[in-house]
Amino acid sequence: MRVLVLAFLFCLHSVVNAQDSVKIDKPIVCFPTSTLLTTLKEKYNEQPIFVGKHGLYDDVITAVYGNITAGTYTMVEMDKNIACIVSIGTDLQFRFPAKNELGL
């Protein structure tokens, strides 16, 4: 079984590495963290709906702020000093995976 799992992981790694990456030039706008968070709250009525630690940096947080009524969202990466807007959009929807037979 262990050999089968290792073989699967090796194949998966090969498939991922076989894909050509694409570099895009996407403008990222950054502000002082306190300024951006105040603006999201006061001007756009967006509140944090998803927050998590960045996978590579302990002091960086990725968050999605949303206005459920208006359907707007802003995705932000930030530390205590600088916050950068990664994405903004409309038609905010929540999608959850289907429950399994155990109700989980």
N, C-alpha and C. Protein backbone atom coordinates (compact mmCIF):
# COMPACT_ATOMS: atom_id res chain seq x y z
N MET A 1 0.83 -1.20 0.00
CA MET A 1 0.00 0.00 0.00
C MET A 1 0.87 1.26 0.00
N ARG A 2 1.90 1.24 0.81
CA ARG A 2 2.79 2.41 0.90
C ARG A 2 3.45 2.69 -0.44
N VAL A 3 3.86 1.63 -1.14
CA VAL A 3 4.49 1.80 -2.44
C VAL A 3 3.49 2.41 -3.43
N LEU A 4 2.24 1.98 -3.36
CA LEU A 4 1.20 2.51 -4.24
C LEU A 4 0.99 4.00 -3.99
N VAL A 5 0.94 4.41 -2.74
CA VAL A 5 0.77 5.83 -2.41
C VAL A 5 1.96 6.64 -2.90
N LEU A 6 3.16 6.14 -2.68
CA LEU A 6 4.36 6.85 -3.15
C LEU A 6 4.37 6.96 -4.67
N ALA A 7 3.96 5.90 -5.37
CA ALA A 7 3.91 5.94 -6.83
C ALA A 7 2.89 6.98 -7.29
N PHE A 8 1.74 7.04 -6.62
CA PHE A 8 0.72 8.03 -6.97
C PHE A 8 1.24 9.45 -6.78
N LEU A 9 1.88 9.69 -5.64
CA LEU A 9 2.42 11.02 -5.38
C LEU A 9 3.50 11.40 -6.40
N PHE A 10 4.33 10.45 -6.79
CA PHE A 10 5.35 10.73 -7.79
C PHE A 10 4.70 11.10 -9.11
N CYS A 11 3.66 10.36 -9.51
CA CYS A 11 2.97 10.67 -10.77
C CYS A 11 2.29 12.03 -10.70
N LEU A 12 1.66 12.34 -9.58
CA LEU A 12 1.00 13.62 -9.41
C LEU A 12 2.02 14.75 -9.51
N HIS A 13 3.15 14.59 -8.88
CA HIS A 13 4.21 15.60 -8.94
C HIS A 13 4.68 15.78 -10.38
N SER A 14 4.81 14.71 -11.13
CA SER A 14 5.24 14.79 -12.52
C SER A 14 4.24 15.53 -13.38
N VAL A 15 2.94 15.28 -13.15
CA VAL A 15 1.90 15.95 -13.93
C VAL A 15 1.90 17.44 -13.64
N VAL A 16 2.01 17.82 -12.38
CA VAL A 16 2.02 19.24 -12.02
C VAL A 16 3.24 19.94 -12.63
N ASN A 17 4.40 19.31 -12.55
CA ASN A 17 5.60 19.91 -13.11
C ASN A 17 5.59 19.94 -14.63
N ALA A 18 4.81 19.08 -15.26
CA ALA A 18 4.76 19.05 -16.72
C ALA A 18 3.98 20.23 -17.27
N GLN A 19 3.13 20.83 -16.46
CA GLN A 19 2.33 21.96 -16.91
C GLN A 19 3.19 23.21 -17.02
N ASP A 20 3.02 23.94 -18.09
CA ASP A 20 3.75 25.19 -18.25
C ASP A 20 3.06 26.27 -17.45
N SER A 21 3.84 26.98 -16.67
CA SER A 21 3.26 28.09 -15.91
C SER A 21 3.11 29.30 -16.84
N VAL A 22 2.20 30.15 -16.49
CA VAL A 22 1.94 31.36 -17.27
C VAL A 22 2.10 32.55 -16.35
N LYS A 23 2.91 33.51 -16.76
CA LYS A 23 3.11 34.72 -15.98
C LYS A 23 2.22 35.81 -16.57
N ILE A 24 1.45 36.45 -15.71
CA ILE A 24 0.60 37.55 -16.16
C ILE A 24 1.00 38.83 -15.44
N ASP A 25 0.74 39.93 -16.07
CA ASP A 25 0.98 41.22 -15.43
C ASP A 25 -0.35 41.73 -14.91
N LYS A 26 -0.56 41.54 -13.63
CA LYS A 26 -1.80 41.95 -12.98
C LYS A 26 -1.46 43.04 -11.98
N PRO A 27 -2.06 44.21 -12.12
CA PRO A 27 -1.74 45.27 -11.15
C PRO A 27 -2.28 44.92 -9.76
N ILE A 28 -1.46 45.10 -8.78
CA ILE A 28 -1.84 44.89 -7.39
C ILE A 28 -1.70 46.24 -6.69
N VAL A 29 -2.76 46.69 -6.06
CA VAL A 29 -2.77 47.99 -5.39
C VAL A 29 -2.68 47.76 -3.89
N CYS A 30 -1.77 48.47 -3.24
CA CYS A 30 -1.56 48.31 -1.80
C CYS A 30 -1.74 49.64 -1.06
N PHE A 31 -2.17 49.51 0.18
CA PHE A 31 -2.43 50.67 1.04
C PHE A 31 -1.95 50.33 2.45
N PRO A 32 -1.83 51.32 3.32
CA PRO A 32 -1.63 51.00 4.73
C PRO A 32 -2.81 50.14 5.20
N THR A 33 -2.52 49.12 5.97
CA THR A 33 -3.55 48.16 6.37
C THR A 33 -4.74 48.84 7.05
N SER A 34 -4.49 49.71 7.99
CA SER A 34 -5.60 50.36 8.71
C SER A 34 -6.47 51.19 7.77
N THR A 35 -5.87 51.84 6.79
CA THR A 35 -6.63 52.65 5.82
C THR A 35 -7.54 51.77 4.98
N LEU A 36 -7.00 50.67 4.46
CA LEU A 36 -7.81 49.80 3.60
C LEU A 36 -8.95 49.15 4.38
N LEU A 37 -8.66 48.64 5.57
CA LEU A 37 -9.71 47.97 6.34
C LEU A 37 -10.81 48.93 6.75
N THR A 38 -10.45 50.16 7.09
CA THR A 38 -11.45 51.18 7.42
C THR A 38 -12.31 51.50 6.21
N THR A 39 -11.70 51.62 5.04
CA THR A 39 -12.44 51.92 3.82
C THR A 39 -13.39 50.78 3.46
N LEU A 40 -12.93 49.54 3.58
CA LEU A 40 -13.81 48.40 3.27
C LEU A 40 -15.03 48.39 4.18
N LYS A 41 -14.81 48.71 5.45
CA LYS A 41 -15.91 48.70 6.41
C LYS A 41 -16.84 49.89 6.22
N GLU A 42 -16.30 51.10 6.18
CA GLU A 42 -17.13 52.30 6.18
C GLU A 42 -17.70 52.67 4.82
N LYS A 43 -16.95 52.51 3.76
CA LYS A 43 -17.42 52.91 2.44
C LYS A 43 -18.19 51.80 1.73
N TYR A 44 -17.73 50.54 1.88
CA TYR A 44 -18.33 49.44 1.13
C TYR A 44 -19.13 48.47 2.00
N ASN A 45 -19.17 48.71 3.30
CA ASN A 45 -19.88 47.84 4.24
C ASN A 45 -19.46 46.38 4.11
N GLU A 46 -18.18 46.15 3.84
CA GLU A 46 -17.67 44.79 3.73
C GLU A 46 -17.04 44.37 5.05
N GLN A 47 -17.36 43.17 5.45
CA GLN A 47 -16.86 42.58 6.69
C GLN A 47 -16.06 41.33 6.34
N PRO A 48 -15.13 40.92 7.19
CA PRO A 48 -14.38 39.69 6.90
C PRO A 48 -15.29 38.47 6.94
N ILE A 49 -15.25 37.68 5.87
CA ILE A 49 -16.05 36.46 5.83
C ILE A 49 -15.16 35.21 5.73
N PHE A 50 -13.88 35.42 5.45
CA PHE A 50 -12.91 34.34 5.37
C PHE A 50 -11.55 34.92 5.74
N VAL A 51 -10.87 34.29 6.67
CA VAL A 51 -9.54 34.76 7.07
C VAL A 51 -8.66 33.54 7.30
N GLY A 52 -7.43 33.60 6.80
CA GLY A 52 -6.49 32.51 7.02
C GLY A 52 -5.06 32.99 6.93
N LYS A 53 -4.16 32.25 7.59
CA LYS A 53 -2.74 32.57 7.51
C LYS A 53 -2.21 32.15 6.15
N HIS A 54 -1.34 32.97 5.62
CA HIS A 54 -0.69 32.67 4.35
C HIS A 54 0.15 31.41 4.52
N GLY A 55 0.22 30.58 3.50
CA GLY A 55 0.94 29.33 3.60
C GLY A 55 2.45 29.46 3.69
N LEU A 56 3.01 30.56 3.22
CA LEU A 56 4.47 30.71 3.20
C LEU A 56 5.01 31.68 4.23
N TYR A 57 4.19 32.60 4.70
CA TYR A 57 4.66 33.65 5.61
C TYR A 57 3.77 33.71 6.84
N ASP A 58 4.38 33.57 8.00
CA ASP A 58 3.61 33.55 9.25
C ASP A 58 2.89 34.85 9.56
N ASP A 59 3.45 35.98 9.11
CA ASP A 59 2.87 37.27 9.47
C ASP A 59 1.92 37.82 8.40
N VAL A 60 1.63 37.04 7.37
CA VAL A 60 0.74 37.49 6.30
C VAL A 60 -0.60 36.76 6.39
N ILE A 61 -1.67 37.53 6.26
CA ILE A 61 -3.03 37.00 6.32
C ILE A 61 -3.69 37.21 4.97
N THR A 62 -4.43 36.21 4.52
CA THR A 62 -5.27 36.35 3.34
C THR A 62 -6.70 36.41 3.85
N ALA A 63 -7.47 37.38 3.37
CA ALA A 63 -8.84 37.54 3.84
C ALA A 63 -9.75 37.93 2.68
N VAL A 64 -10.98 37.49 2.80
CA VAL A 64 -12.02 37.93 1.87
C VAL A 64 -13.02 38.73 2.69
N TYR A 65 -13.23 39.97 2.28
CA TYR A 65 -14.22 40.85 2.90
C TYR A 65 -15.42 40.88 1.96
N GLY A 66 -16.61 40.81 2.52
CA GLY A 66 -17.77 40.79 1.67
C GLY A 66 -18.93 41.59 2.23
N ASN A 67 -19.76 42.07 1.32
CA ASN A 67 -21.03 42.70 1.65
C ASN A 67 -22.09 41.77 1.11
N ILE A 68 -22.69 40.99 1.99
CA ILE A 68 -23.65 39.97 1.56
C ILE A 68 -24.87 40.59 0.91
N THR A 69 -25.31 41.74 1.38
CA THR A 69 -26.48 42.41 0.81
C THR A 69 -26.21 42.89 -0.61
N ALA A 70 -25.07 43.56 -0.81
CA ALA A 70 -24.73 44.09 -2.13
C ALA A 70 -24.09 43.04 -3.03
N GLY A 71 -23.57 41.96 -2.45
CA GLY A 71 -22.94 40.91 -3.24
C GLY A 71 -21.53 41.25 -3.70
N THR A 72 -20.88 42.20 -3.03
CA THR A 72 -19.52 42.58 -3.42
C THR A 72 -18.51 41.90 -2.51
N TYR A 73 -17.29 41.76 -3.03
CA TYR A 73 -16.22 41.19 -2.20
C TYR A 73 -14.88 41.81 -2.58
N THR A 74 -13.95 41.74 -1.64
CA THR A 74 -12.57 42.17 -1.85
C THR A 74 -11.66 41.14 -1.21
N MET A 75 -10.71 40.60 -1.99
CA MET A 75 -9.74 39.66 -1.45
C MET A 75 -8.45 40.43 -1.17
N VAL A 76 -7.94 40.28 0.05
CA VAL A 76 -6.81 41.07 0.51
C VAL A 76 -5.73 40.16 1.08
N GLU A 77 -4.47 40.46 0.78
CA GLU A 77 -3.34 39.88 1.48
C GLU A 77 -2.69 41.00 2.27
N MET A 78 -2.42 40.75 3.56
CA MET A 78 -1.94 41.85 4.39
C MET A 78 -1.07 41.37 5.53
N ASP A 79 -0.25 42.27 6.00
CA ASP A 79 0.41 42.10 7.28
C ASP A 79 -0.03 43.28 8.13
N LYS A 80 0.64 43.56 9.24
CA LYS A 80 0.16 44.64 10.11
C LYS A 80 0.37 46.03 9.51
N ASN A 81 1.22 46.13 8.48
CA ASN A 81 1.52 47.44 7.90
C ASN A 81 0.91 47.71 6.53
N ILE A 82 0.95 46.71 5.65
CA ILE A 82 0.54 46.90 4.26
C ILE A 82 -0.53 45.87 3.91
N ALA A 83 -1.57 46.33 3.19
CA ALA A 83 -2.63 45.45 2.70
C ALA A 83 -2.76 45.64 1.20
N CYS A 84 -2.74 44.54 0.46
CA CYS A 84 -2.81 44.58 -0.99
C CYS A 84 -4.08 43.91 -1.48
N ILE A 85 -4.76 44.58 -2.40
CA ILE A 85 -5.98 44.03 -2.98
C ILE A 85 -5.59 43.06 -4.08
N VAL A 86 -5.97 41.80 -3.90
CA VAL A 86 -5.67 40.76 -4.85
C VAL A 86 -6.78 40.65 -5.89
N SER A 87 -8.02 40.84 -5.44
CA SER A 87 -9.16 40.71 -6.35
C SER A 87 -10.36 41.45 -5.76
N ILE A 88 -11.20 41.99 -6.64
CA ILE A 88 -12.48 42.56 -6.23
C ILE A 88 -13.54 42.01 -7.16
N GLY A 89 -14.78 41.99 -6.70
CA GLY A 89 -15.81 41.47 -7.58
C GLY A 89 -17.21 41.64 -7.05
N THR A 90 -18.14 41.11 -7.83
CA THR A 90 -19.57 41.17 -7.51
C THR A 90 -20.16 39.77 -7.58
N ASP A 91 -21.43 39.67 -7.31
CA ASP A 91 -22.16 38.38 -7.34
C ASP A 91 -21.57 37.37 -6.35
N LEU A 92 -21.26 37.86 -5.16
CA LEU A 92 -20.73 37.00 -4.10
C LEU A 92 -21.71 35.87 -3.80
N GLN A 93 -21.23 34.65 -3.82
CA GLN A 93 -22.04 33.48 -3.50
C GLN A 93 -21.24 32.57 -2.58
N PHE A 94 -21.93 31.85 -1.74
CA PHE A 94 -21.28 30.89 -0.86
C PHE A 94 -21.59 29.50 -1.38
N ARG A 95 -20.55 28.72 -1.55
CA ARG A 95 -20.70 27.35 -2.03
C ARG A 95 -20.01 26.43 -1.02
N PHE A 96 -20.73 25.44 -0.57
CA PHE A 96 -20.18 24.51 0.39
C PHE A 96 -20.22 23.12 -0.22
N PRO A 97 -19.23 22.28 0.10
CA PRO A 97 -19.23 20.92 -0.44
C PRO A 97 -20.47 20.17 0.05
N ALA A 98 -20.89 19.22 -0.77
CA ALA A 98 -22.03 18.38 -0.37
C ALA A 98 -21.64 17.56 0.85
N LYS A 99 -22.62 17.31 1.69
CA LYS A 99 -22.37 16.49 2.88
C LYS A 99 -22.23 15.04 2.45
N ASN A 100 -21.38 14.30 3.20
CA ASN A 100 -21.24 12.88 2.93
C ASN A 100 -22.32 12.10 3.66
N GLU A 101 -22.25 10.79 3.59
CA GLU A 101 -23.28 9.95 4.22
C GLU A 101 -23.34 10.09 5.73
N LEU A 102 -22.28 10.63 6.34
CA LEU A 102 -22.28 10.86 7.79
C LEU A 102 -22.81 12.24 8.17
N GLY A 103 -23.19 13.04 7.16
CA GLY A 103 -23.69 14.37 7.44
C GLY A 103 -22.60 15.39 7.65
N LEU A 104 -21.37 15.06 7.27
CA LEU A 104 -20.23 15.96 7.45
C LEU A 104 -19.86 16.63 6.15
